[in-house]
Amino acid sequence: MVGLMVTAALLSISPTVRLFAQDTTRATPPAIRVVPTDTVHRVRPMGAFWRSLLVPGWGQAATGRHTTGALFVAWEGVTAMMTLKARQEVNYMKATHAVATKLKRQEVQDWAVLWVFNHLFAGAEAYVSAHLQDFPRDLHLHAVPNGLGISIPLRGRP
């Protein structure tokens, strides 16, 4: 019993070896991790804008909106072909000295404007859809007795 008391007394006087976790002189502060705010998006909004401005539908496809992108591609084809078709008709009317050449030139301009606006609208839509990539898709539209209702699930704090 005396030996046990002597051992306990010697161990409690001063430990000769300190553990690394107990050494406060070499402690390093925890590393702070800074996450950029735009890393949530897979495609950045301006990147999607420039893609769709260059080729309508590309930005929509990059953000996962394939149907919308296909609609912009289809409308691009319609406006391009109608512009070329109307231009050929103007050339034919000029060659035959037709009276309605001025009206046909106006039609060419109308189709060309629609062609340009398709690029601008595709770019704007891709920009907005890239911003809304991380928006919850649980938005539902329901019929209620006096009209329509929208339900949005809210995530509560734990």
Protein backbone atom coordinates (compact mmCIF):
# COMPACT_ATOMS: atom_id res chain seq x y z
CA MET A 1 0.00 0.00 0.00
CA VAL A 2 2.88 2.34 0.79
CA GLY A 3 4.41 1.61 -2.65
CA LEU A 4 1.19 2.55 -4.38
CA MET A 5 1.03 5.84 -2.49
CA VAL A 6 4.63 6.68 -3.33
CA THR A 7 4.01 5.95 -7.04
CA ALA A 8 0.88 8.12 -7.07
CA ALA A 9 2.75 10.95 -5.35
CA LEU A 10 5.65 10.80 -7.81
CA LEU A 11 3.32 10.82 -10.82
CA SER A 12 1.29 13.75 -9.55
CA ILE A 13 4.26 16.02 -8.83
CA SER A 14 5.16 16.85 -12.43
CA PRO A 15 4.71 14.86 -15.58
CA THR A 16 7.97 14.56 -17.49
CA VAL A 17 6.41 14.10 -20.93
CA ARG A 18 3.65 16.30 -22.25
CA LEU A 19 1.43 15.09 -25.05
CA PHE A 20 1.26 17.15 -28.24
CA ALA A 21 -2.47 17.72 -27.85
CA GLN A 22 -1.85 19.22 -24.43
CA ASP A 23 0.89 21.58 -25.61
CA THR A 24 -0.74 25.00 -26.03
CA THR A 25 2.44 26.75 -27.20
CA ARG A 26 2.41 24.92 -30.55
CA ALA A 27 -1.33 25.09 -31.17
CA THR A 28 -2.34 26.40 -34.57
CA PRO A 29 -5.62 28.18 -35.15
CA PRO A 30 -8.15 26.27 -37.23
CA ALA A 31 -7.93 26.97 -40.94
CA ILE A 32 -10.71 29.18 -42.27
CA ARG A 33 -12.08 27.97 -45.56
CA VAL A 34 -13.46 30.67 -47.82
CA VAL A 35 -15.88 29.42 -50.46
CA PRO A 36 -16.62 31.77 -53.36
CA THR A 37 -20.30 32.63 -53.63
CA ASP A 38 -20.60 31.67 -57.29
CA THR A 39 -19.42 28.05 -56.91
CA VAL A 40 -23.00 26.92 -56.35
CA HIS A 41 -23.72 27.33 -60.06
CA ARG A 42 -22.48 24.72 -62.45
CA VAL A 43 -22.51 27.29 -65.23
CA ARG A 44 -21.91 30.93 -64.44
CA PRO A 45 -24.67 33.29 -65.58
CA MET A 46 -22.47 35.37 -67.89
CA GLY A 47 -21.01 32.20 -69.38
CA ALA A 48 -24.51 30.93 -70.16
CA PHE A 49 -25.43 34.36 -71.59
CA TRP A 50 -22.45 34.43 -73.97
CA ARG A 51 -23.04 30.85 -75.05
CA SER A 52 -26.64 31.52 -75.99
CA LEU A 53 -25.81 34.84 -77.58
CA LEU A 54 -23.34 33.03 -79.84
CA VAL A 55 -25.51 29.97 -80.53
CA PRO A 56 -29.11 30.15 -79.23
CA GLY A 57 -29.89 27.10 -77.11
CA TRP A 58 -26.31 26.37 -76.05
CA GLY A 59 -26.61 28.19 -72.73
CA GLN A 60 -29.94 26.52 -72.02
CA ALA A 61 -28.46 23.09 -72.73
CA ALA A 62 -25.53 23.87 -70.41
CA THR A 63 -27.92 24.75 -67.57
CA GLY A 64 -30.01 21.61 -68.05
CA ARG A 65 -32.98 23.23 -69.83
CA HIS A 66 -32.88 21.08 -72.95
CA THR A 67 -36.47 21.66 -74.12
CA THR A 68 -36.07 25.43 -73.92
CA GLY A 69 -32.77 25.18 -75.76
CA ALA A 70 -34.38 23.07 -78.48
CA LEU A 71 -37.12 25.68 -78.92
CA PHE A 72 -34.53 28.44 -79.37
CA VAL A 73 -32.65 26.31 -81.90
CA ALA A 74 -35.87 25.57 -83.81
CA TRP A 75 -36.87 29.25 -83.89
CA GLU A 76 -33.33 30.11 -85.01
CA GLY A 77 -33.77 27.77 -87.95
CA VAL A 78 -37.17 29.20 -88.86
CA THR A 79 -36.00 32.81 -88.77
CA ALA A 80 -32.78 32.06 -90.69
CA MET A 81 -34.56 30.15 -93.45
CA MET A 82 -37.39 32.69 -93.76
CA THR A 83 -34.85 35.53 -94.00
CA LEU A 84 -33.00 33.72 -96.78
CA LYS A 85 -36.25 32.79 -98.55
CA ALA A 86 -37.55 36.36 -98.44
CA ARG A 87 -34.17 37.61 -99.69
CA GLN A 88 -34.35 35.25 -102.69
CA GLU A 89 -37.87 36.49 -103.41
CA VAL A 90 -36.61 40.11 -103.35
CA ASN A 91 -33.92 39.20 -105.88
CA TYR A 92 -36.50 37.53 -108.13
CA MET A 93 -38.88 40.50 -107.84
CA LYS A 94 -36.04 42.91 -108.68
CA ALA A 95 -35.15 40.86 -111.75
CA THR A 96 -38.78 40.83 -112.95
CA HIS A 97 -39.38 44.50 -112.01
CA ALA A 98 -42.33 43.62 -109.77
CA VAL A 99 -44.31 46.37 -108.07
CA ALA A 100 -44.26 44.89 -104.52
CA THR A 101 -40.46 44.76 -104.18
CA LYS A 102 -40.49 47.38 -101.43
CA LEU A 103 -42.93 45.30 -99.35
CA LYS A 104 -40.81 42.19 -99.80
CA ARG A 105 -37.71 44.11 -98.63
CA GLN A 106 -39.66 45.04 -95.49
CA GLU A 107 -40.41 41.34 -94.96
CA VAL A 108 -36.68 40.54 -95.18
CA GLN A 109 -35.99 43.17 -92.54
CA ASP A 110 -38.74 41.82 -90.29
CA TRP A 111 -37.33 38.29 -90.41
CA ALA A 112 -33.79 39.58 -89.83
CA VAL A 113 -34.95 41.49 -86.74
CA LEU A 114 -36.63 38.36 -85.39
CA TRP A 115 -33.39 36.47 -86.05
CA VAL A 116 -31.36 39.01 -84.03
CA PHE A 117 -33.91 39.16 -81.20
CA ASN A 118 -33.82 35.35 -80.94
CA HIS A 119 -30.14 35.64 -80.04
CA LEU A 120 -30.80 38.38 -77.47
CA PHE A 121 -33.76 36.60 -75.86
CA ALA A 122 -31.85 33.29 -75.78
CA GLY A 123 -28.95 35.02 -74.03
CA ALA A 124 -31.22 36.72 -71.49
CA GLU A 125 -33.11 33.49 -70.78
CA ALA A 126 -29.86 31.54 -70.32
CA TYR A 127 -28.56 34.23 -67.93
CA VAL A 128 -31.69 34.01 -65.77
CA SER A 129 -31.85 30.21 -65.84
CA ALA A 130 -28.18 30.01 -64.78
CA HIS A 131 -29.00 32.21 -61.79
CA LEU A 132 -31.94 29.95 -60.90
CA GLN A 133 -30.05 26.63 -61.21
CA ASP A 134 -29.99 26.07 -57.47
CA PHE A 135 -33.58 27.21 -56.93
CA PRO A 136 -35.71 24.40 -55.46
CA ARG A 137 -37.80 22.61 -58.07
CA ASP A 138 -40.49 21.65 -55.58
CA LEU A 139 -42.78 24.49 -56.62
CA HIS A 140 -46.23 23.04 -57.35
CA LEU A 141 -49.38 24.55 -58.83
CA HIS A 142 -52.62 23.20 -57.35
CA ALA A 143 -56.30 23.73 -58.09
CA VAL A 144 -58.12 25.21 -55.10
CA PRO A 145 -61.85 25.92 -54.76
CA ASN A 146 -61.68 29.54 -55.98
CA GLY A 147 -58.78 29.37 -58.42
CA LEU A 148 -55.17 28.25 -58.40
CA GLY A 149 -52.76 27.90 -55.50
CA ILE A 150 -49.02 27.62 -55.36
CA SER A 151 -47.24 25.57 -52.74
CA ILE A 152 -43.61 26.15 -51.90
CA PRO A 153 -42.01 23.77 -49.39
CA LEU A 154 -40.03 25.67 -46.79
CA ARG A 155 -37.11 23.98 -45.18
CA GLY A 156 -37.16 24.63 -41.45
CA ARG A 157 -34.15 24.93 -39.22
CA PRO A 158 -33.31 21.82 -37.22
